[in-house]
Amino acid sequence: RGALFLGPGGAGERQRSGVGSRTMSASIYSTKVDAESAMTTNGRDVELLPFVNDKHGGVIIEMTTPMDPQLFSASLKSLLSKWREQGIRGVWIKLPISLANLIQSAVEEGFWYHHAEETYLMLAYWLPNTPHTLPVNATHRVGVGAFVMNDKREVLVVQEKSGVLKGLGIWKFPTGVVEPGEDINIGVVREVKEETGVCISIYVN
């Protein structure tokens, strides 16, 4: 973006490249569950998958080590049958990118994609024959805009070098997106610095 102070006494210009998009993420809180290392199904031992209980009567399978897809499928099928009898409703599977070969097995058992982050994919499954009540993933981002004025009463504005306003010659306030867990005031200061190179201070009345 190009940045410019508009006001009496002239204008100074700064430029920088566009800022990449950021995503919000959702967290599922859980507690650890102790379990045996194997169980018997149809007369043969099936490896028990690592899982934890969540706070809403569901379970989260947390895969961390490689596993044969057929063995994973058999273990998953056995656990789902057991959990259905126990009245468990929501089941989640957290798969790191390194175990993406297990996705097909999970989908074949009825799991669907819930959300994905840089390092993992989360799948979900609803055991009862009722409409599911699982929470959706985060769907909103917090955007900020900055009204910046210097001691000469000049206002800082920018022109987009990418996006829908690119090439239209429109001047606008610096804007951006707050990062997960970031204070809004800190996000405003960071975005102005990233987009224009100008260091600002926030004044709150």
N, C-alpha and C. Protein backbone atom coordinates (compact mmCIF):
# COMPACT_ATOMS: atom_id res chain seq x y z
N ARG A 1 0.83 -1.19 0.00
CA ARG A 1 0.00 0.00 0.00
C ARG A 1 0.87 1.25 0.00
N GLY A 2 0.36 2.34 -0.59
CA GLY A 2 1.00 3.62 -0.47
C GLY A 2 0.36 4.35 0.69
N ALA A 3 1.14 5.06 1.48
CA ALA A 3 0.60 5.78 2.63
C ALA A 3 0.90 7.26 2.49
N LEU A 4 -0.02 8.09 2.96
CA LEU A 4 0.13 9.52 2.77
C LEU A 4 -0.51 10.27 3.92
N PHE A 5 0.17 11.32 4.43
CA PHE A 5 -0.44 12.22 5.39
C PHE A 5 -1.10 13.35 4.61
N LEU A 6 -2.42 13.47 4.73
CA LEU A 6 -3.16 14.53 4.06
C LEU A 6 -3.42 15.66 5.03
N GLY A 7 -3.15 16.90 4.62
CA GLY A 7 -3.41 18.03 5.49
C GLY A 7 -2.62 19.24 5.05
N PRO A 8 -2.74 20.31 5.76
CA PRO A 8 -1.99 21.52 5.40
C PRO A 8 -0.51 21.29 5.58
N GLY A 9 0.28 21.92 4.70
CA GLY A 9 1.72 21.84 4.87
C GLY A 9 2.38 20.75 4.05
N GLY A 10 1.65 20.14 3.08
CA GLY A 10 2.29 19.16 2.21
C GLY A 10 1.98 17.75 2.64
N ALA A 11 2.55 16.76 1.89
CA ALA A 11 2.28 15.34 2.14
C ALA A 11 3.54 14.53 1.95
N GLY A 12 3.70 13.51 2.78
CA GLY A 12 4.82 12.59 2.64
C GLY A 12 4.29 11.21 2.32
N GLU A 13 4.99 10.42 1.49
CA GLU A 13 4.47 9.12 1.05
C GLU A 13 5.37 7.98 1.49
N ARG A 14 4.74 6.85 1.89
CA ARG A 14 5.45 5.63 2.22
C ARG A 14 4.76 4.49 1.50
N GLN A 15 5.50 3.40 1.25
CA GLN A 15 4.93 2.26 0.56
C GLN A 15 5.37 0.98 1.24
N ARG A 16 4.50 -0.03 1.12
CA ARG A 16 4.85 -1.37 1.57
C ARG A 16 4.00 -2.36 0.81
N SER A 17 4.37 -3.62 0.85
CA SER A 17 3.59 -4.64 0.16
C SER A 17 2.37 -4.99 0.99
N GLY A 18 1.41 -5.71 0.36
CA GLY A 18 0.17 -6.08 1.03
C GLY A 18 0.40 -7.03 2.19
N VAL A 19 -0.58 -7.07 3.08
CA VAL A 19 -0.50 -7.93 4.26
C VAL A 19 -1.31 -9.18 3.99
N GLY A 20 -0.77 -10.38 4.30
CA GLY A 20 -1.48 -11.64 4.09
C GLY A 20 -2.66 -11.78 5.02
N SER A 21 -3.61 -12.64 4.64
CA SER A 21 -4.80 -12.86 5.47
C SER A 21 -4.45 -13.69 6.68
N ARG A 22 -5.26 -13.53 7.71
CA ARG A 22 -5.06 -14.29 8.94
C ARG A 22 -6.33 -15.04 9.26
N THR A 23 -6.23 -16.14 9.96
CA THR A 23 -7.41 -16.92 10.28
C THR A 23 -7.58 -17.02 11.77
N MET A 24 -8.84 -17.16 12.17
CA MET A 24 -9.17 -17.41 13.56
C MET A 24 -9.29 -18.91 13.74
N SER A 25 -9.08 -19.37 14.96
CA SER A 25 -9.21 -20.79 15.22
C SER A 25 -10.10 -21.03 16.42
N ALA A 26 -10.68 -22.22 16.47
CA ALA A 26 -11.54 -22.60 17.58
C ALA A 26 -10.82 -23.64 18.42
N SER A 27 -11.02 -23.63 19.72
CA SER A 27 -10.40 -24.57 20.63
C SER A 27 -11.45 -25.47 21.25
N ILE A 28 -11.08 -26.72 21.51
CA ILE A 28 -11.95 -27.66 22.20
C ILE A 28 -11.22 -28.10 23.45
N TYR A 29 -11.78 -27.79 24.62
CA TYR A 29 -11.14 -28.10 25.88
C TYR A 29 -11.47 -29.53 26.29
N SER A 30 -10.49 -30.23 26.87
CA SER A 30 -10.71 -31.62 27.18
C SER A 30 -9.89 -32.04 28.39
N THR A 31 -10.19 -33.22 28.92
CA THR A 31 -9.43 -33.81 30.01
C THR A 31 -8.99 -35.19 29.61
N LYS A 32 -7.82 -35.64 30.09
CA LYS A 32 -7.26 -36.92 29.70
C LYS A 32 -8.07 -38.07 30.27
N VAL A 33 -8.07 -39.20 29.54
CA VAL A 33 -8.76 -40.40 29.96
C VAL A 33 -7.77 -41.55 29.96
N ASP A 34 -7.72 -42.33 31.04
CA ASP A 34 -6.89 -43.52 31.09
C ASP A 34 -7.63 -44.68 30.43
N ALA A 35 -6.93 -45.47 29.60
CA ALA A 35 -7.58 -46.59 28.92
C ALA A 35 -6.57 -47.70 28.68
N GLU A 36 -7.08 -48.91 28.43
CA GLU A 36 -6.21 -50.03 28.12
C GLU A 36 -5.63 -49.85 26.74
N SER A 37 -4.53 -50.57 26.46
CA SER A 37 -3.84 -50.40 25.18
C SER A 37 -4.48 -51.17 24.05
N ALA A 38 -5.38 -52.12 24.38
CA ALA A 38 -6.02 -52.89 23.32
C ALA A 38 -7.36 -53.40 23.81
N MET A 39 -8.24 -53.74 22.86
CA MET A 39 -9.52 -54.34 23.20
C MET A 39 -9.80 -55.44 22.20
N THR A 40 -10.73 -56.30 22.54
CA THR A 40 -11.01 -57.45 21.69
C THR A 40 -12.32 -57.24 20.94
N THR A 41 -12.28 -57.42 19.62
CA THR A 41 -13.46 -57.30 18.78
C THR A 41 -13.48 -58.46 17.81
N ASN A 42 -14.60 -59.20 17.78
CA ASN A 42 -14.74 -60.35 16.88
C ASN A 42 -13.60 -61.34 17.06
N GLY A 43 -13.20 -61.53 18.30
CA GLY A 43 -12.19 -62.54 18.60
C GLY A 43 -10.77 -62.13 18.32
N ARG A 44 -10.52 -60.88 17.96
CA ARG A 44 -9.14 -60.45 17.71
C ARG A 44 -8.87 -59.13 18.40
N ASP A 45 -7.60 -58.94 18.74
CA ASP A 45 -7.20 -57.72 19.42
C ASP A 45 -7.18 -56.55 18.45
N VAL A 46 -7.74 -55.43 18.90
CA VAL A 46 -7.74 -54.20 18.12
C VAL A 46 -7.11 -53.11 18.96
N GLU A 47 -6.14 -52.42 18.38
CA GLU A 47 -5.44 -51.37 19.12
C GLU A 47 -6.39 -50.23 19.47
N LEU A 48 -6.33 -49.79 20.73
CA LEU A 48 -7.19 -48.69 21.16
C LEU A 48 -6.56 -47.36 20.75
N LEU A 49 -7.35 -46.52 20.14
CA LEU A 49 -6.86 -45.22 19.70
C LEU A 49 -6.75 -44.28 20.90
N PRO A 50 -5.79 -43.36 20.89
CA PRO A 50 -5.66 -42.40 22.01
C PRO A 50 -6.78 -41.37 21.96
N PHE A 51 -7.48 -41.20 23.08
CA PHE A 51 -8.58 -40.24 23.07
C PHE A 51 -8.70 -39.57 24.44
N VAL A 52 -9.42 -38.44 24.45
CA VAL A 52 -9.70 -37.69 25.67
C VAL A 52 -11.18 -37.36 25.69
N ASN A 53 -11.72 -37.13 26.88
CA ASN A 53 -13.10 -36.67 27.02
C ASN A 53 -13.14 -35.15 26.91
N ASP A 54 -14.15 -34.62 26.20
CA ASP A 54 -14.32 -33.17 26.20
C ASP A 54 -15.33 -32.79 27.28
N LYS A 55 -15.65 -31.52 27.39
CA LYS A 55 -16.51 -31.03 28.46
C LYS A 55 -18.00 -31.19 28.16
N HIS A 56 -18.33 -31.74 27.01
CA HIS A 56 -19.72 -31.76 26.58
C HIS A 56 -20.22 -33.18 26.32
N GLY A 57 -19.60 -34.15 26.97
CA GLY A 57 -20.05 -35.52 26.83
C GLY A 57 -19.58 -36.20 25.56
N GLY A 58 -18.60 -35.65 24.91
CA GLY A 58 -18.05 -36.25 23.70
C GLY A 58 -16.62 -36.69 23.92
N VAL A 59 -15.99 -37.17 22.86
CA VAL A 59 -14.59 -37.60 22.94
C VAL A 59 -13.81 -37.03 21.77
N ILE A 60 -12.51 -36.89 21.98
CA ILE A 60 -11.61 -36.41 20.93
C ILE A 60 -10.49 -37.44 20.77
N ILE A 61 -10.39 -38.02 19.59
CA ILE A 61 -9.29 -38.92 19.26
C ILE A 61 -8.12 -38.06 18.81
N GLU A 62 -6.99 -38.19 19.50
CA GLU A 62 -5.82 -37.36 19.20
C GLU A 62 -4.71 -38.23 18.64
N MET A 63 -4.63 -38.32 17.33
CA MET A 63 -3.61 -39.14 16.69
C MET A 63 -2.28 -38.39 16.62
N THR A 64 -1.22 -39.07 17.03
CA THR A 64 0.10 -38.45 17.03
C THR A 64 1.17 -39.31 16.36
N THR A 65 0.94 -40.63 16.28
CA THR A 65 1.94 -41.54 15.71
C THR A 65 1.36 -42.27 14.51
N PRO A 66 2.22 -42.67 13.56
CA PRO A 66 1.75 -43.36 12.36
C PRO A 66 1.01 -44.65 12.71
N MET A 67 0.03 -45.02 11.86
CA MET A 67 -0.77 -46.22 12.08
C MET A 67 -1.25 -46.74 10.74
N ASP A 68 -1.30 -48.05 10.61
CA ASP A 68 -1.80 -48.66 9.38
C ASP A 68 -3.26 -48.27 9.19
N PRO A 69 -3.65 -47.77 8.01
CA PRO A 69 -5.03 -47.34 7.79
C PRO A 69 -6.08 -48.41 8.08
N GLN A 70 -5.80 -49.68 7.73
CA GLN A 70 -6.76 -50.75 7.99
C GLN A 70 -6.93 -50.99 9.49
N LEU A 71 -5.82 -50.95 10.22
CA LEU A 71 -5.89 -51.11 11.67
C LEU A 71 -6.60 -49.92 12.30
N PHE A 72 -6.33 -48.73 11.79
CA PHE A 72 -7.01 -47.53 12.28
C PHE A 72 -8.52 -47.64 12.05
N SER A 73 -8.91 -48.09 10.86
CA SER A 73 -10.32 -48.23 10.54
C SER A 73 -11.01 -49.23 11.45
N ALA A 74 -10.36 -50.38 11.71
CA ALA A 74 -10.95 -51.40 12.58
C ALA A 74 -11.07 -50.89 14.01
N SER A 75 -10.05 -50.19 14.48
CA SER A 75 -10.08 -49.65 15.84
C SER A 75 -11.15 -48.58 15.97
N LEU A 76 -11.27 -47.73 14.96
CA LEU A 76 -12.26 -46.67 14.98
C LEU A 76 -13.67 -47.25 14.98
N LYS A 77 -13.90 -48.26 14.15
CA LYS A 77 -15.22 -48.89 14.08
C LYS A 77 -15.61 -49.48 15.43
N SER A 78 -14.65 -50.13 16.11
CA SER A 78 -14.93 -50.73 17.41
C SER A 78 -15.24 -49.67 18.47
N LEU A 79 -14.47 -48.58 18.45
CA LEU A 79 -14.71 -47.52 19.43
C LEU A 79 -16.05 -46.85 19.20
N LEU A 80 -16.41 -46.61 17.96
CA LEU A 80 -17.69 -45.96 17.68
C LEU A 80 -18.85 -46.83 18.16
N SER A 81 -18.73 -48.13 17.97
CA SER A 81 -19.78 -49.04 18.45
C SER A 81 -19.88 -48.99 19.97
N LYS A 82 -18.73 -48.98 20.62
CA LYS A 82 -18.70 -48.93 22.09
C LYS A 82 -19.27 -47.62 22.60
N TRP A 83 -18.89 -46.50 21.98
CA TRP A 83 -19.35 -45.19 22.43
C TRP A 83 -20.84 -45.00 22.16
N ARG A 84 -21.33 -45.59 21.10
CA ARG A 84 -22.76 -45.49 20.80
C ARG A 84 -23.57 -46.17 21.92
N GLU A 85 -23.07 -47.31 22.39
CA GLU A 85 -23.73 -48.02 23.49
C GLU A 85 -23.67 -47.21 24.79
N GLN A 86 -22.59 -46.45 24.96
CA GLN A 86 -22.40 -45.66 26.19
C GLN A 86 -23.15 -44.33 26.16
N GLY A 87 -23.76 -44.02 25.04
CA GLY A 87 -24.49 -42.76 24.94
C GLY A 87 -23.64 -41.56 24.58
N ILE A 88 -22.39 -41.81 24.12
CA ILE A 88 -21.55 -40.72 23.65
C ILE A 88 -22.19 -40.12 22.40
N ARG A 89 -22.12 -38.81 22.27
CA ARG A 89 -22.75 -38.16 21.12
C ARG A 89 -21.73 -37.67 20.10
N GLY A 90 -20.95 -36.67 20.46
CA GLY A 90 -20.00 -36.10 19.51
C GLY A 90 -18.63 -36.75 19.58
N VAL A 91 -18.07 -37.07 18.43
CA VAL A 91 -16.72 -37.64 18.35
C VAL A 91 -15.88 -36.79 17.40
N TRP A 92 -14.68 -36.45 17.84
CA TRP A 92 -13.76 -35.66 17.04
C TRP A 92 -12.50 -36.46 16.77
N ILE A 93 -11.89 -36.24 15.62
CA ILE A 93 -10.57 -36.81 15.33
C ILE A 93 -9.65 -35.67 14.92
N LYS A 94 -8.53 -35.55 15.64
CA LYS A 94 -7.53 -34.54 15.30
C LYS A 94 -6.37 -35.23 14.61
N LEU A 95 -6.18 -34.92 13.34
CA LEU A 95 -5.15 -35.57 12.53
C LEU A 95 -4.08 -34.56 12.12
N PRO A 96 -2.83 -34.76 12.54
CA PRO A 96 -1.76 -33.89 12.03
C PRO A 96 -1.53 -34.16 10.55
N ILE A 97 -0.90 -33.23 9.89
CA ILE A 97 -0.65 -33.37 8.45
C ILE A 97 0.11 -34.66 8.14
N SER A 98 1.00 -35.05 9.03
CA SER A 98 1.81 -36.25 8.79
C SER A 98 0.98 -37.52 8.74
N LEU A 99 -0.27 -37.48 9.26
CA LEU A 99 -1.13 -38.66 9.27
C LEU A 99 -2.34 -38.47 8.34
N ALA A 100 -2.15 -37.68 7.29
CA ALA A 100 -3.24 -37.41 6.35
C ALA A 100 -3.71 -38.68 5.64
N ASN A 101 -2.90 -39.75 5.65
CA ASN A 101 -3.31 -41.00 5.00
C ASN A 101 -4.47 -41.68 5.72
N LEU A 102 -4.81 -41.21 6.93
CA LEU A 102 -5.91 -41.80 7.69
C LEU A 102 -7.25 -41.11 7.43
N ILE A 103 -7.22 -40.03 6.66
CA ILE A 103 -8.45 -39.26 6.43
C ILE A 103 -9.51 -40.11 5.74
N GLN A 104 -9.14 -40.85 4.71
CA GLN A 104 -10.12 -41.63 3.97
C GLN A 104 -10.83 -42.63 4.87
N SER A 105 -10.07 -43.29 5.76
CA SER A 105 -10.67 -44.27 6.67
C SER A 105 -11.69 -43.60 7.57
N ALA A 106 -11.38 -42.41 8.06
CA ALA A 106 -12.31 -41.70 8.94
C ALA A 106 -13.57 -41.28 8.19
N VAL A 107 -13.40 -40.78 6.96
CA VAL A 107 -14.54 -40.35 6.15
C VAL A 107 -15.45 -41.53 5.82
N GLU A 108 -14.86 -42.68 5.55
CA GLU A 108 -15.65 -43.86 5.23
C GLU A 108 -16.49 -44.32 6.41
N GLU A 109 -16.09 -43.95 7.64
CA GLU A 109 -16.87 -44.29 8.83
C GLU A 109 -17.95 -43.25 9.12
N GLY A 110 -17.97 -42.18 8.34
CA GLY A 110 -19.02 -41.17 8.51
C GLY A 110 -18.55 -39.83 9.02
N PHE A 111 -17.26 -39.65 9.25
CA PHE A 111 -16.74 -38.37 9.74
C PHE A 111 -16.76 -37.34 8.62
N TRP A 112 -16.88 -36.07 9.01
CA TRP A 112 -16.82 -34.98 8.05
C TRP A 112 -15.78 -33.95 8.50
N TYR A 113 -15.34 -33.12 7.57
CA TYR A 113 -14.38 -32.07 7.90
C TYR A 113 -15.06 -31.00 8.76
N HIS A 114 -14.42 -30.64 9.86
CA HIS A 114 -14.93 -29.56 10.70
C HIS A 114 -14.13 -28.29 10.49
N HIS A 115 -12.81 -28.38 10.64
CA HIS A 115 -11.95 -27.25 10.33
C HIS A 115 -10.51 -27.73 10.17
N ALA A 116 -9.71 -26.88 9.60
CA ALA A 116 -8.29 -27.19 9.38
C ALA A 116 -7.44 -26.01 9.79
N GLU A 117 -6.29 -26.30 10.38
CA GLU A 117 -5.29 -25.29 10.70
C GLU A 117 -4.01 -25.64 9.95
N GLU A 118 -2.95 -24.90 10.20
CA GLU A 118 -1.71 -25.10 9.45
C GLU A 118 -1.12 -26.49 9.66
N THR A 119 -1.30 -27.06 10.86
CA THR A 119 -0.62 -28.32 11.18
C THR A 119 -1.54 -29.51 11.37
N TYR A 120 -2.87 -29.29 11.34
CA TYR A 120 -3.77 -30.43 11.58
C TYR A 120 -5.13 -30.22 10.92
N LEU A 121 -5.86 -31.32 10.81
CA LEU A 121 -7.24 -31.32 10.34
C LEU A 121 -8.12 -31.90 11.44
N MET A 122 -9.27 -31.27 11.71
CA MET A 122 -10.21 -31.77 12.70
C MET A 122 -11.45 -32.31 11.98
N LEU A 123 -11.79 -33.57 12.25
CA LEU A 123 -12.98 -34.19 11.70
C LEU A 123 -13.99 -34.43 12.81
N ALA A 124 -15.27 -34.51 12.46
CA ALA A 124 -16.31 -34.67 13.47
C ALA A 124 -17.32 -35.73 13.04
N TYR A 125 -17.99 -36.32 14.05
CA TYR A 125 -19.00 -37.33 13.80
C TYR A 125 -20.04 -37.27 14.91
N TRP A 126 -21.31 -37.42 14.55
CA TRP A 126 -22.41 -37.38 15.51
C TRP A 126 -23.04 -38.76 15.58
N LEU A 127 -22.98 -39.40 16.74
CA LEU A 127 -23.43 -40.78 16.87
C LEU A 127 -24.95 -40.97 16.90
N PRO A 128 -25.73 -40.15 17.63
CA PRO A 128 -27.18 -40.37 17.67
C PRO A 128 -27.85 -40.12 16.32
N ASN A 129 -29.02 -40.70 16.14
CA ASN A 129 -29.79 -40.45 14.93
C ASN A 129 -30.65 -39.21 15.09
N THR A 130 -30.01 -38.12 15.39
CA THR A 130 -30.67 -36.82 15.58
C THR A 130 -29.81 -35.75 14.92
N PRO A 131 -30.40 -34.58 14.62
CA PRO A 131 -29.57 -33.48 14.10
C PRO A 131 -28.45 -33.15 15.09
N HIS A 132 -27.24 -32.97 14.58
CA HIS A 132 -26.12 -32.75 15.49
C HIS A 132 -26.14 -31.33 16.06
N THR A 133 -25.60 -31.21 17.24
CA THR A 133 -25.49 -29.91 17.92
C THR A 133 -24.04 -29.50 18.13
N LEU A 134 -23.14 -30.04 17.32
CA LEU A 134 -21.73 -29.70 17.45
C LEU A 134 -21.52 -28.24 17.04
N PRO A 135 -20.65 -27.52 17.76
CA PRO A 135 -20.42 -26.11 17.41
C PRO A 135 -19.71 -25.98 16.08
N VAL A 136 -20.06 -24.94 15.35
CA VAL A 136 -19.37 -24.68 14.09
C VAL A 136 -18.01 -24.06 14.39
N ASN A 137 -17.14 -24.06 13.40
CA ASN A 137 -15.84 -23.44 13.57
C ASN A 137 -15.99 -21.92 13.57
N ALA A 138 -14.94 -21.22 14.00
CA ALA A 138 -14.95 -19.76 14.00
C ALA A 138 -15.27 -19.25 12.59
N THR A 139 -16.18 -18.28 12.50
CA THR A 139 -16.60 -17.78 11.19
C THR A 139 -16.36 -16.29 11.01
N HIS A 140 -15.79 -15.63 12.01
CA HIS A 140 -15.61 -14.18 11.92
C HIS A 140 -14.17 -13.79 12.26
N ARG A 141 -13.76 -12.69 11.69
CA ARG A 141 -12.48 -12.07 12.05
C ARG A 141 -12.75 -10.66 12.55
N VAL A 142 -11.90 -10.19 13.45
CA VAL A 142 -12.04 -8.84 13.99
C VAL A 142 -11.17 -7.88 13.18
N GLY A 143 -11.82 -6.96 12.49
CA GLY A 143 -11.10 -5.98 11.69
C GLY A 143 -10.94 -4.66 12.43
N VAL A 144 -9.90 -3.93 12.12
CA VAL A 144 -9.65 -2.62 12.76
C VAL A 144 -9.29 -1.60 11.69
N GLY A 145 -9.60 -0.35 11.99
CA GLY A 145 -9.19 0.77 11.15
C GLY A 145 -8.60 1.86 12.04
N ALA A 146 -7.65 2.59 11.53
CA ALA A 146 -6.95 3.58 12.36
C ALA A 146 -7.12 4.99 11.78
N PHE A 147 -7.58 5.89 12.64
CA PHE A 147 -7.60 7.32 12.32
C PHE A 147 -6.37 7.93 12.99
N VAL A 148 -5.37 8.29 12.18
CA VAL A 148 -4.08 8.75 12.70
C VAL A 148 -3.88 10.21 12.30
N MET A 149 -3.61 11.05 13.31
CA MET A 149 -3.35 12.47 13.05
C MET A 149 -2.05 12.87 13.73
N ASN A 150 -1.19 13.62 13.02
CA ASN A 150 0.06 14.07 13.61
C ASN A 150 -0.11 15.45 14.24
N ASP A 151 0.99 16.01 14.74
CA ASP A 151 0.90 17.30 15.43
C ASP A 151 0.62 18.46 14.47
N LYS A 152 0.66 18.20 13.16
CA LYS A 152 0.31 19.21 12.17
C LYS A 152 -1.16 19.06 11.73
N ARG A 153 -1.87 18.18 12.42
CA ARG A 153 -3.27 17.89 12.10
C ARG A 153 -3.43 17.32 10.70
N GLU A 154 -2.40 16.58 10.26
CA GLU A 154 -2.48 15.83 9.01
C GLU A 154 -2.97 14.42 9.32
N VAL A 155 -3.81 13.89 8.46
CA VAL A 155 -4.40 12.57 8.66
C VAL A 155 -3.71 11.55 7.76
N LEU A 156 -3.36 10.41 8.33
CA LEU A 156 -2.67 9.35 7.58
C LEU A 156 -3.67 8.52 6.78
N VAL A 157 -3.44 8.41 5.46
CA VAL A 157 -4.28 7.59 4.59
C VAL A 157 -3.40 6.73 3.70
N VAL A 158 -3.99 5.68 3.13
CA VAL A 158 -3.22 4.74 2.31
C VAL A 158 -3.99 4.43 1.02
N GLN A 159 -3.26 3.92 0.03
CA GLN A 159 -3.86 3.37 -1.18
C GLN A 159 -3.49 1.89 -1.26
N GLU A 160 -4.48 1.06 -1.57
CA GLU A 160 -4.26 -0.38 -1.64
C GLU A 160 -3.41 -0.75 -2.86
N LYS A 161 -2.45 -1.68 -2.64
CA LYS A 161 -1.68 -2.25 -3.75
C LYS A 161 -2.20 -3.63 -4.13
N SER A 162 -3.19 -4.13 -3.37
CA SER A 162 -3.85 -5.39 -3.69
C SER A 162 -5.27 -5.32 -3.14
N GLY A 163 -6.14 -6.23 -3.59
CA GLY A 163 -7.51 -6.23 -3.11
C GLY A 163 -8.46 -5.47 -4.03
N VAL A 164 -9.70 -5.30 -3.56
CA VAL A 164 -10.76 -4.74 -4.42
C VAL A 164 -10.53 -3.27 -4.76
N LEU A 165 -9.72 -2.56 -3.96
CA LEU A 165 -9.49 -1.13 -4.23
C LEU A 165 -8.20 -0.87 -5.01
N LYS A 166 -7.51 -1.93 -5.40
CA LYS A 166 -6.25 -1.78 -6.13
C LYS A 166 -6.46 -1.02 -7.43
N GLY A 167 -5.63 -0.03 -7.64
CA GLY A 167 -5.64 0.70 -8.90
C GLY A 167 -6.76 1.70 -9.07
N LEU A 168 -7.60 1.90 -8.07
CA LEU A 168 -8.73 2.83 -8.20
C LEU A 168 -8.38 4.24 -7.75
N GLY A 169 -7.20 4.43 -7.19
CA GLY A 169 -6.78 5.75 -6.76
C GLY A 169 -7.53 6.25 -5.53
N ILE A 170 -8.10 5.33 -4.75
CA ILE A 170 -8.86 5.71 -3.56
C ILE A 170 -7.96 5.73 -2.33
N TRP A 171 -8.04 6.82 -1.58
CA TRP A 171 -7.30 6.93 -0.32
C TRP A 171 -8.22 6.55 0.83
N LYS A 172 -7.69 5.79 1.79
CA LYS A 172 -8.49 5.29 2.90
C LYS A 172 -7.63 5.21 4.17
N PHE A 173 -8.30 5.04 5.32
CA PHE A 173 -7.57 4.86 6.57
C PHE A 173 -6.86 3.50 6.54
N PRO A 174 -5.72 3.35 7.25
CA PRO A 174 -5.08 2.03 7.37
C PRO A 174 -6.03 1.06 8.08
N THR A 175 -6.13 -0.14 7.57
CA THR A 175 -7.01 -1.16 8.14
C THR A 175 -6.27 -2.49 8.23
N GLY A 176 -6.85 -3.43 8.96
CA GLY A 176 -6.23 -4.75 9.07
C GLY A 176 -7.09 -5.67 9.92
N VAL A 177 -6.50 -6.78 10.33
CA VAL A 177 -7.21 -7.82 11.10
C VAL A 177 -6.45 -8.10 12.39
N VAL A 178 -7.18 -8.15 13.49
CA VAL A 178 -6.57 -8.48 14.79
C VAL A 178 -6.23 -9.97 14.83
N GLU A 179 -5.05 -10.31 15.31
CA GLU A 179 -4.63 -11.69 15.41
C GLU A 179 -5.28 -12.36 16.62
N PRO A 180 -5.44 -13.70 16.59
CA PRO A 180 -6.04 -14.41 17.73
C PRO A 180 -5.32 -14.11 19.04
N GLY A 181 -6.07 -13.69 20.07
CA GLY A 181 -5.49 -13.40 21.37
C GLY A 181 -4.85 -12.03 21.49
N GLU A 182 -4.89 -11.24 20.43
CA GLU A 182 -4.24 -9.93 20.42
C GLU A 182 -5.21 -8.85 20.89
N ASP A 183 -4.75 -7.95 21.75
CA ASP A 183 -5.56 -6.81 22.17
C ASP A 183 -5.83 -5.92 20.97
N ILE A 184 -7.04 -5.37 20.91
CA ILE A 184 -7.41 -4.55 19.75
C ILE A 184 -6.48 -3.36 19.59
N ASN A 185 -6.15 -2.67 20.70
CA ASN A 185 -5.25 -1.51 20.61
C ASN A 185 -3.88 -1.90 20.05
N ILE A 186 -3.38 -3.04 20.50
CA ILE A 186 -2.08 -3.51 20.01
C ILE A 186 -2.18 -3.85 18.53
N GLY A 187 -3.31 -4.45 18.13
CA GLY A 187 -3.50 -4.78 16.73
C GLY A 187 -3.51 -3.56 15.84
N VAL A 188 -4.14 -2.48 16.30
CA VAL A 188 -4.17 -1.24 15.53
C VAL A 188 -2.76 -0.69 15.33
N VAL A 189 -1.99 -0.63 16.41
CA VAL A 189 -0.61 -0.12 16.34
C VAL A 189 0.21 -0.96 15.38
N ARG A 190 0.08 -2.29 15.48
CA ARG A 190 0.84 -3.19 14.61
C ARG A 190 0.46 -3.02 13.14
N GLU A 191 -0.83 -2.96 12.86
CA GLU A 191 -1.27 -2.84 11.47
C GLU A 191 -0.78 -1.54 10.83
N VAL A 192 -0.85 -0.43 11.56
CA VAL A 192 -0.37 0.85 11.01
C VAL A 192 1.12 0.77 10.73
N LYS A 193 1.87 0.14 11.64
CA LYS A 193 3.31 0.01 11.45
C LYS A 193 3.61 -0.87 10.23
N GLU A 194 2.88 -2.00 10.10
CA GLU A 194 3.12 -2.90 8.98
C GLU A 194 2.76 -2.27 7.64
N GLU A 195 1.69 -1.51 7.61
CA GLU A 195 1.19 -1.01 6.34
C GLU A 195 1.84 0.30 5.90
N THR A 196 2.33 1.10 6.84
CA THR A 196 2.84 2.41 6.48
C THR A 196 4.25 2.69 6.98
N GLY A 197 4.73 1.91 7.95
CA GLY A 197 6.02 2.19 8.56
C GLY A 197 5.95 3.26 9.63
N VAL A 198 4.75 3.77 9.92
CA VAL A 198 4.57 4.84 10.91
C VAL A 198 4.29 4.22 12.28
N CYS A 199 5.03 4.66 13.29
CA CYS A 199 4.81 4.22 14.67
C CYS A 199 3.81 5.18 15.33
N ILE A 200 2.74 4.64 15.92
CA ILE A 200 1.73 5.48 16.50
C ILE A 200 1.52 5.14 17.97
N SER A 201 0.86 6.03 18.68
CA SER A 201 0.44 5.81 20.05
C SER A 201 -1.08 5.93 20.12
N ILE A 202 -1.69 5.11 20.97
CA ILE A 202 -3.15 5.11 21.11
C ILE A 202 -3.53 5.99 22.30
N TYR A 203 -4.46 6.93 22.06
CA TYR A 203 -4.98 7.77 23.13
C TYR A 203 -6.45 7.41 23.37
N VAL A 204 -6.77 7.06 24.61
CA VAL A 204 -8.14 6.69 24.95
C VAL A 204 -8.68 7.71 25.95
N ASN A 205 -9.80 8.33 25.59
CA ASN A 205 -10.41 9.31 26.49
C ASN A 205 -11.27 8.62 27.54
